[in-house]
């Protein structure tokens, strides 16, 4: 079965990662890496007093960046001699803030698998990051990646 056929057979398949706790230490580390120290992320007392969130929230881009972790922990591994490369996003929406102390998880549905050229398949996955106990997800995105056989 060709590489493209292997992925085409999984179109419509949905997988979900395990829950992941978002703690203040991780939010602070992300703030340091991105140099985004807005108080709503790194000052719990002030965030509790001055925001409608009741405390600090994770950066939206932290939530987005965790898609890689969620995917690696839940999607089937690539076949031998195949690599995955981020290609971008067609759509990203931050729908609900992730409060520090929340648990989140990723859900992925393979929407398409198109051969761009021999040995190179473009995947489109519909991704959602759910917040435990919330009806509104933190994030919805269409994630593009390239699967390249070598």
N, C-alpha and C. Protein backbone atom coordinates (compact mmCIF):
# COMPACT_ATOMS: atom_id res chain seq x y z
N UNK A 1 0.85 -1.18 0.00
CA UNK A 1 0.00 0.00 0.00
C UNK A 1 0.90 1.24 0.00
N UNK A 2 0.61 2.19 -0.86
CA UNK A 2 1.43 3.40 -0.95
C UNK A 2 1.26 4.25 0.30
N UNK A 3 2.22 5.15 0.50
CA UNK A 3 2.15 6.07 1.64
C UNK A 3 0.87 6.88 1.60
N UNK A 4 0.52 7.39 0.42
CA UNK A 4 -0.69 8.19 0.29
C UNK A 4 -1.92 7.34 0.64
N UNK A 5 -1.96 6.09 0.18
CA UNK A 5 -3.09 5.21 0.47
C UNK A 5 -3.19 4.90 1.96
N UNK A 6 -2.04 4.78 2.63
CA UNK A 6 -2.05 4.53 4.08
C UNK A 6 -2.74 5.67 4.81
N UNK A 7 -2.44 6.91 4.40
CA UNK A 7 -3.07 8.06 5.06
C UNK A 7 -4.50 8.26 4.58
N UNK A 8 -4.76 8.03 3.31
CA UNK A 8 -6.12 8.18 2.79
C UNK A 8 -7.09 7.25 3.52
N UNK A 9 -6.61 6.08 3.90
CA UNK A 9 -7.45 5.13 4.62
C UNK A 9 -7.86 5.65 6.00
N UNK A 10 -7.13 6.64 6.51
CA UNK A 10 -7.42 7.18 7.85
C UNK A 10 -8.24 8.48 7.81
N UNK A 11 -8.60 8.96 6.61
CA UNK A 11 -9.39 10.19 6.52
C UNK A 11 -10.69 9.99 7.29
N UNK A 12 -11.00 10.96 8.13
CA UNK A 12 -12.19 10.90 8.97
C UNK A 12 -11.95 10.30 10.34
N UNK A 13 -10.80 9.68 10.52
CA UNK A 13 -10.45 9.08 11.81
C UNK A 13 -10.15 10.18 12.83
N UNK A 14 -10.65 10.02 14.03
CA UNK A 14 -10.41 10.99 15.11
C UNK A 14 -9.66 10.31 16.24
N UNK A 15 -8.62 10.98 16.74
CA UNK A 15 -7.88 10.49 17.90
C UNK A 15 -7.81 11.63 18.92
N UNK A 16 -7.72 11.24 20.19
CA UNK A 16 -7.70 12.21 21.28
C UNK A 16 -6.53 11.89 22.21
N UNK A 17 -5.81 12.93 22.61
CA UNK A 17 -4.67 12.76 23.51
C UNK A 17 -5.15 12.60 24.95
N UNK A 18 -4.19 12.31 25.82
CA UNK A 18 -4.47 12.33 27.25
C UNK A 18 -4.59 13.77 27.72
N UNK A 19 -5.14 13.94 28.91
CA UNK A 19 -5.24 15.27 29.53
C UNK A 19 -3.86 15.76 29.93
N UNK A 20 -3.69 17.07 29.89
CA UNK A 20 -2.42 17.73 30.20
C UNK A 20 -2.73 18.90 31.12
N UNK A 21 -2.03 18.98 32.25
CA UNK A 21 -2.24 20.08 33.21
C UNK A 21 -1.40 21.29 32.83
N UNK A 22 -2.05 22.44 32.80
CA UNK A 22 -1.37 23.71 32.51
C UNK A 22 -1.13 24.40 33.84
N UNK A 23 0.14 24.43 34.27
CA UNK A 23 0.46 25.04 35.56
C UNK A 23 1.17 26.38 35.38
N UNK A 24 1.28 27.12 36.47
CA UNK A 24 1.87 28.45 36.41
C UNK A 24 3.34 28.40 35.99
N UNK A 25 4.06 27.38 36.42
CA UNK A 25 5.48 27.27 36.05
C UNK A 25 5.65 27.17 34.53
N UNK A 26 4.79 26.39 33.86
CA UNK A 26 4.87 26.26 32.40
C UNK A 26 4.52 27.59 31.73
N UNK A 27 3.49 28.27 32.23
CA UNK A 27 3.09 29.56 31.66
C UNK A 27 4.22 30.57 31.83
N UNK A 28 4.85 30.59 33.00
CA UNK A 28 5.98 31.51 33.23
C UNK A 28 7.15 31.19 32.31
N UNK A 29 7.44 29.90 32.12
CA UNK A 29 8.54 29.52 31.23
C UNK A 29 8.23 29.94 29.79
N UNK A 30 6.99 29.77 29.37
CA UNK A 30 6.60 30.21 28.02
C UNK A 30 6.73 31.72 27.90
N UNK A 31 6.34 32.44 28.94
CA UNK A 31 6.48 33.90 28.94
C UNK A 31 7.94 34.29 28.77
N UNK A 32 8.84 33.58 29.44
CA UNK A 32 10.26 33.88 29.32
C UNK A 32 10.77 33.62 27.91
N UNK A 33 10.37 32.51 27.32
CA UNK A 33 10.83 32.16 25.98
C UNK A 33 10.32 33.15 24.94
N UNK A 34 9.06 33.56 25.07
CA UNK A 34 8.45 34.44 24.06
C UNK A 34 8.56 35.92 24.41
N UNK A 35 9.05 36.20 25.61
CA UNK A 35 9.17 37.57 26.12
C UNK A 35 7.81 38.28 26.19
N UNK A 36 6.77 37.49 26.46
CA UNK A 36 5.41 38.01 26.64
C UNK A 36 5.04 37.84 28.10
N UNK A 37 5.32 38.88 28.88
CA UNK A 37 5.10 38.85 30.32
C UNK A 37 3.87 39.65 30.74
N UNK A 38 2.87 39.70 29.87
CA UNK A 38 1.64 40.42 30.23
C UNK A 38 1.09 39.84 31.54
N UNK A 39 0.64 40.73 32.41
CA UNK A 39 0.24 40.32 33.75
C UNK A 39 -0.86 39.27 33.76
N UNK A 40 -1.70 39.21 32.73
CA UNK A 40 -2.78 38.22 32.73
C UNK A 40 -2.24 36.79 32.69
N UNK A 41 -0.97 36.65 32.36
CA UNK A 41 -0.34 35.33 32.32
C UNK A 41 0.54 35.06 33.54
N UNK A 42 1.26 36.06 34.01
CA UNK A 42 2.34 35.79 34.97
C UNK A 42 2.14 36.40 36.36
N UNK A 43 1.09 37.14 36.58
CA UNK A 43 0.84 37.75 37.89
C UNK A 43 -0.50 37.27 38.43
N UNK A 44 -0.51 36.14 39.15
CA UNK A 44 -1.78 35.57 39.61
C UNK A 44 -2.64 36.53 40.43
N UNK A 45 -2.03 37.29 41.33
CA UNK A 45 -2.81 38.20 42.18
C UNK A 45 -3.47 39.30 41.35
N UNK A 46 -2.70 39.94 40.51
CA UNK A 46 -3.24 41.01 39.68
C UNK A 46 -4.27 40.47 38.68
N UNK A 47 -3.99 39.31 38.09
CA UNK A 47 -4.93 38.71 37.14
C UNK A 47 -6.26 38.39 37.84
N UNK A 48 -6.20 37.98 39.09
CA UNK A 48 -7.43 37.71 39.85
C UNK A 48 -8.21 38.99 40.11
N UNK A 49 -7.50 40.08 40.39
CA UNK A 49 -8.15 41.36 40.71
C UNK A 49 -8.66 42.10 39.48
N UNK A 50 -7.89 42.05 38.39
CA UNK A 50 -8.13 42.98 37.29
C UNK A 50 -8.62 42.35 35.99
N UNK A 51 -8.92 41.07 35.98
CA UNK A 51 -9.40 40.46 34.74
C UNK A 51 -10.71 39.72 35.00
N UNK A 52 -11.46 39.45 33.98
CA UNK A 52 -12.69 38.67 34.14
C UNK A 52 -12.44 37.16 34.26
N UNK A 53 -11.17 36.75 34.22
CA UNK A 53 -10.85 35.33 34.20
C UNK A 53 -10.71 34.72 35.60
N UNK A 54 -10.63 35.55 36.64
CA UNK A 54 -10.51 35.04 38.00
C UNK A 54 -9.12 34.58 38.37
N UNK A 55 -8.15 34.83 37.52
CA UNK A 55 -6.77 34.42 37.75
C UNK A 55 -6.04 34.41 36.43
N UNK A 56 -4.80 33.93 36.45
CA UNK A 56 -3.99 33.94 35.22
C UNK A 56 -4.48 32.93 34.20
N UNK A 57 -4.22 33.25 32.93
CA UNK A 57 -4.55 32.35 31.82
C UNK A 57 -3.29 32.07 31.02
N UNK A 58 -3.31 30.93 30.36
CA UNK A 58 -2.20 30.55 29.48
C UNK A 58 -2.21 31.42 28.23
N UNK A 59 -1.05 31.64 27.67
CA UNK A 59 -0.94 32.31 26.38
C UNK A 59 -1.67 31.46 25.33
N UNK A 60 -2.36 32.11 24.41
CA UNK A 60 -2.98 31.36 23.32
C UNK A 60 -1.94 30.58 22.52
N UNK A 61 -0.77 31.21 22.32
CA UNK A 61 0.26 30.52 21.54
C UNK A 61 0.88 29.35 22.31
N UNK A 62 0.81 29.35 23.63
CA UNK A 62 1.22 28.18 24.39
C UNK A 62 0.26 27.03 24.09
N UNK A 63 -1.03 27.32 24.13
CA UNK A 63 -2.03 26.31 23.81
C UNK A 63 -1.81 25.77 22.41
N UNK A 64 -1.58 26.66 21.45
CA UNK A 64 -1.33 26.24 20.07
C UNK A 64 -0.08 25.37 19.97
N UNK A 65 0.98 25.77 20.66
CA UNK A 65 2.24 25.02 20.56
C UNK A 65 2.12 23.62 21.16
N UNK A 66 1.18 23.42 22.06
CA UNK A 66 1.00 22.10 22.66
C UNK A 66 0.38 21.10 21.68
N UNK A 67 -0.11 21.57 20.53
CA UNK A 67 -0.62 20.62 19.54
C UNK A 67 0.43 19.59 19.16
N UNK A 68 1.70 20.00 19.08
CA UNK A 68 2.76 19.04 18.74
C UNK A 68 2.83 17.92 19.77
N UNK A 69 2.78 18.27 21.04
CA UNK A 69 2.81 17.27 22.11
C UNK A 69 1.58 16.36 22.02
N UNK A 70 0.41 16.97 21.86
CA UNK A 70 -0.82 16.17 21.80
C UNK A 70 -0.78 15.22 20.60
N UNK A 71 -0.30 15.70 19.47
CA UNK A 71 -0.24 14.86 18.27
C UNK A 71 0.73 13.70 18.48
N UNK A 72 1.90 14.00 19.00
CA UNK A 72 2.91 12.95 19.18
C UNK A 72 2.43 11.88 20.15
N UNK A 73 1.65 12.29 21.15
CA UNK A 73 1.21 11.33 22.15
C UNK A 73 -0.03 10.55 21.74
N UNK A 74 -0.70 10.95 20.65
CA UNK A 74 -1.96 10.29 20.33
C UNK A 74 -2.06 9.74 18.91
N UNK A 75 -1.33 10.33 17.96
CA UNK A 75 -1.42 9.87 16.58
C UNK A 75 -0.51 8.67 16.35
N UNK A 76 -0.86 7.80 15.40
CA UNK A 76 0.04 6.68 15.10
C UNK A 76 1.40 7.19 14.64
N UNK A 77 2.46 6.48 14.98
CA UNK A 77 3.80 6.93 14.55
C UNK A 77 3.94 6.86 13.04
N UNK A 78 4.84 7.67 12.50
CA UNK A 78 5.13 7.63 11.08
C UNK A 78 5.80 6.30 10.75
N UNK A 79 5.57 5.80 9.54
CA UNK A 79 6.29 4.59 9.12
C UNK A 79 7.81 4.86 9.09
N UNK A 80 8.60 3.78 9.04
CA UNK A 80 10.05 3.92 8.95
C UNK A 80 10.44 4.82 7.79
N UNK A 81 11.48 5.60 8.00
CA UNK A 81 12.07 6.49 6.98
C UNK A 81 11.08 7.55 6.48
N UNK A 82 10.14 7.92 7.33
CA UNK A 82 9.18 8.96 7.00
C UNK A 82 9.26 10.02 8.09
N UNK A 83 9.25 11.29 7.68
CA UNK A 83 9.28 12.39 8.65
C UNK A 83 8.06 13.28 8.43
N UNK A 84 7.68 13.96 9.49
CA UNK A 84 6.61 14.93 9.41
C UNK A 84 7.16 16.33 9.59
N UNK A 85 6.68 17.25 8.79
CA UNK A 85 7.16 18.63 8.82
C UNK A 85 5.95 19.56 8.94
N UNK A 86 6.00 20.49 9.89
CA UNK A 86 4.95 21.49 9.98
C UNK A 86 4.92 22.31 8.70
N UNK A 87 3.72 22.52 8.16
CA UNK A 87 3.58 23.31 6.94
C UNK A 87 2.79 24.59 7.20
N UNK A 88 2.06 24.61 8.31
CA UNK A 88 1.34 25.82 8.67
C UNK A 88 -0.08 25.54 9.09
N UNK A 89 -0.87 26.59 9.11
CA UNK A 89 -2.27 26.50 9.51
C UNK A 89 -3.11 27.29 8.51
N UNK A 90 -4.23 26.71 8.12
CA UNK A 90 -5.18 27.46 7.31
C UNK A 90 -6.11 28.28 8.19
N UNK A 91 -6.29 27.84 9.42
CA UNK A 91 -7.21 28.53 10.31
C UNK A 91 -6.81 28.22 11.75
N UNK A 92 -6.77 29.25 12.57
CA UNK A 92 -6.57 29.08 14.01
C UNK A 92 -7.51 30.05 14.70
N UNK A 93 -8.27 29.54 15.66
CA UNK A 93 -9.16 30.38 16.44
C UNK A 93 -8.98 30.04 17.92
N UNK A 94 -8.78 31.08 18.72
CA UNK A 94 -8.71 30.93 20.17
C UNK A 94 -10.10 31.23 20.72
N UNK A 95 -10.81 30.20 21.14
CA UNK A 95 -12.23 30.31 21.46
C UNK A 95 -12.53 30.55 22.93
N UNK A 96 -11.66 30.07 23.80
CA UNK A 96 -11.89 30.23 25.23
C UNK A 96 -10.55 30.23 25.94
N UNK A 97 -10.38 31.10 26.96
CA UNK A 97 -9.10 31.13 27.66
C UNK A 97 -8.88 29.86 28.48
N UNK A 98 -7.60 29.48 28.58
CA UNK A 98 -7.20 28.34 29.40
C UNK A 98 -6.70 28.89 30.73
N UNK A 99 -7.46 28.70 31.77
CA UNK A 99 -7.04 29.17 33.09
C UNK A 99 -5.92 28.30 33.62
N UNK A 100 -4.97 28.93 34.26
CA UNK A 100 -3.89 28.17 34.89
C UNK A 100 -4.52 27.21 35.89
N UNK A 101 -4.05 25.98 35.88
CA UNK A 101 -4.61 24.93 36.72
C UNK A 101 -5.59 24.04 35.97
N UNK A 102 -5.97 24.44 34.75
CA UNK A 102 -6.88 23.64 33.93
C UNK A 102 -6.15 22.45 33.32
N UNK A 103 -6.95 21.50 32.89
CA UNK A 103 -6.42 20.39 32.10
C UNK A 103 -7.00 20.50 30.70
N UNK A 104 -6.13 20.28 29.71
CA UNK A 104 -6.54 20.36 28.32
C UNK A 104 -6.08 19.11 27.58
N UNK A 105 -6.69 18.86 26.42
CA UNK A 105 -6.27 17.75 25.57
C UNK A 105 -6.57 18.09 24.13
N UNK A 106 -5.88 17.40 23.23
CA UNK A 106 -6.05 17.64 21.80
C UNK A 106 -6.83 16.54 21.14
N UNK A 107 -7.68 16.94 20.20
CA UNK A 107 -8.43 16.00 19.37
C UNK A 107 -8.10 16.32 17.93
N UNK A 108 -7.82 15.28 17.15
CA UNK A 108 -7.37 15.43 15.76
C UNK A 108 -8.21 14.56 14.84
N UNK A 109 -8.71 15.16 13.77
CA UNK A 109 -9.42 14.41 12.74
C UNK A 109 -8.71 14.66 11.41
N UNK A 110 -8.27 13.59 10.77
CA UNK A 110 -7.61 13.74 9.48
C UNK A 110 -8.67 14.09 8.43
N UNK A 111 -8.51 15.26 7.81
CA UNK A 111 -9.48 15.75 6.82
C UNK A 111 -9.08 15.40 5.39
N UNK A 112 -7.77 15.41 5.11
CA UNK A 112 -7.33 15.08 3.76
C UNK A 112 -5.87 14.63 3.77
N UNK A 113 -5.52 13.92 2.71
CA UNK A 113 -4.15 13.43 2.50
C UNK A 113 -3.90 13.45 1.00
N UNK A 114 -3.24 14.51 0.53
CA UNK A 114 -3.05 14.70 -0.90
C UNK A 114 -1.57 14.61 -1.27
N UNK A 115 -1.27 13.83 -2.30
CA UNK A 115 0.10 13.71 -2.77
C UNK A 115 0.47 14.98 -3.55
N UNK A 116 1.50 15.67 -3.05
CA UNK A 116 1.98 16.89 -3.72
C UNK A 116 2.96 16.53 -4.83
N UNK A 117 3.81 15.56 -4.55
CA UNK A 117 4.72 14.98 -5.52
C UNK A 117 5.11 13.63 -4.96
N UNK A 118 5.74 12.77 -5.74
CA UNK A 118 6.07 11.43 -5.24
C UNK A 118 6.84 11.50 -3.91
N UNK A 119 6.36 10.75 -2.94
CA UNK A 119 7.01 10.70 -1.64
C UNK A 119 6.70 11.85 -0.71
N UNK A 120 5.73 12.70 -1.09
CA UNK A 120 5.39 13.86 -0.25
C UNK A 120 3.86 14.00 -0.19
N UNK A 121 3.31 13.81 1.00
CA UNK A 121 1.87 13.86 1.21
C UNK A 121 1.56 15.06 2.10
N UNK A 122 0.62 15.89 1.68
CA UNK A 122 0.16 16.99 2.54
C UNK A 122 -1.07 16.52 3.30
N UNK A 123 -0.97 16.59 4.63
CA UNK A 123 -2.09 16.23 5.50
C UNK A 123 -2.75 17.50 6.00
N UNK A 124 -4.06 17.46 6.13
CA UNK A 124 -4.81 18.52 6.80
C UNK A 124 -5.57 17.85 7.93
N UNK A 125 -5.31 18.34 9.14
CA UNK A 125 -5.99 17.82 10.31
C UNK A 125 -6.83 18.91 10.95
N UNK A 126 -8.04 18.57 11.30
CA UNK A 126 -8.88 19.47 12.07
C UNK A 126 -8.56 19.18 13.53
N UNK A 127 -8.14 20.23 14.24
CA UNK A 127 -7.68 20.07 15.61
C UNK A 127 -8.57 20.89 16.55
N UNK A 128 -8.79 20.33 17.71
CA UNK A 128 -9.49 21.03 18.77
C UNK A 128 -8.72 20.81 20.06
N UNK A 129 -8.56 21.86 20.85
CA UNK A 129 -8.02 21.70 22.19
C UNK A 129 -9.17 21.92 23.15
N UNK A 130 -9.52 20.87 23.86
CA UNK A 130 -10.63 20.90 24.81
C UNK A 130 -10.12 21.28 26.19
N UNK A 131 -10.97 21.94 26.96
CA UNK A 131 -10.70 22.26 28.35
C UNK A 131 -11.61 21.37 29.19
N UNK A 132 -11.02 20.64 30.11
CA UNK A 132 -11.80 19.73 30.94
C UNK A 132 -12.90 20.51 31.66
N UNK A 133 -14.14 20.02 31.55
CA UNK A 133 -15.26 20.63 32.24
C UNK A 133 -15.90 21.81 31.52
N UNK A 134 -15.41 22.13 30.32
CA UNK A 134 -15.93 23.27 29.57
C UNK A 134 -16.59 22.79 28.28
N UNK A 135 -17.71 23.41 27.93
CA UNK A 135 -18.37 23.09 26.67
C UNK A 135 -17.70 23.79 25.48
N UNK A 136 -16.95 24.86 25.75
CA UNK A 136 -16.30 25.62 24.69
C UNK A 136 -14.82 25.24 24.64
N UNK A 137 -14.34 24.82 23.47
CA UNK A 137 -12.92 24.48 23.38
C UNK A 137 -12.03 25.72 23.50
N UNK A 138 -10.80 25.49 23.85
CA UNK A 138 -9.81 26.57 23.92
C UNK A 138 -9.42 27.02 22.53
N UNK A 139 -9.36 26.07 21.61
CA UNK A 139 -8.78 26.35 20.30
C UNK A 139 -9.38 25.43 19.26
N UNK A 140 -9.53 25.95 18.05
CA UNK A 140 -9.88 25.14 16.88
C UNK A 140 -8.94 25.56 15.76
N UNK A 141 -8.42 24.59 15.03
CA UNK A 141 -7.44 24.90 13.98
C UNK A 141 -7.50 23.86 12.88
N UNK A 142 -7.03 24.27 11.70
CA UNK A 142 -6.75 23.36 10.60
C UNK A 142 -5.25 23.36 10.41
N UNK A 143 -4.63 22.25 10.73
CA UNK A 143 -3.17 22.13 10.76
C UNK A 143 -2.70 21.39 9.52
N UNK A 144 -1.77 22.00 8.81
CA UNK A 144 -1.19 21.40 7.61
C UNK A 144 0.18 20.85 7.94
N UNK A 145 0.45 19.67 7.45
CA UNK A 145 1.80 19.12 7.62
C UNK A 145 2.15 18.33 6.35
N UNK A 146 3.44 18.17 6.17
CA UNK A 146 3.94 17.36 5.07
C UNK A 146 4.53 16.08 5.64
N UNK A 147 4.18 14.97 5.03
CA UNK A 147 4.76 13.69 5.35
C UNK A 147 5.69 13.37 4.18
N UNK A 148 6.97 13.20 4.50
CA UNK A 148 7.99 13.02 3.47
C UNK A 148 8.69 11.69 3.69
N UNK A 149 8.72 10.87 2.64
CA UNK A 149 9.46 9.62 2.75
C UNK A 149 10.84 9.81 2.15
N UNK A 150 11.82 9.17 2.78
CA UNK A 150 13.18 9.39 2.33
C UNK A 150 13.90 8.19 1.97
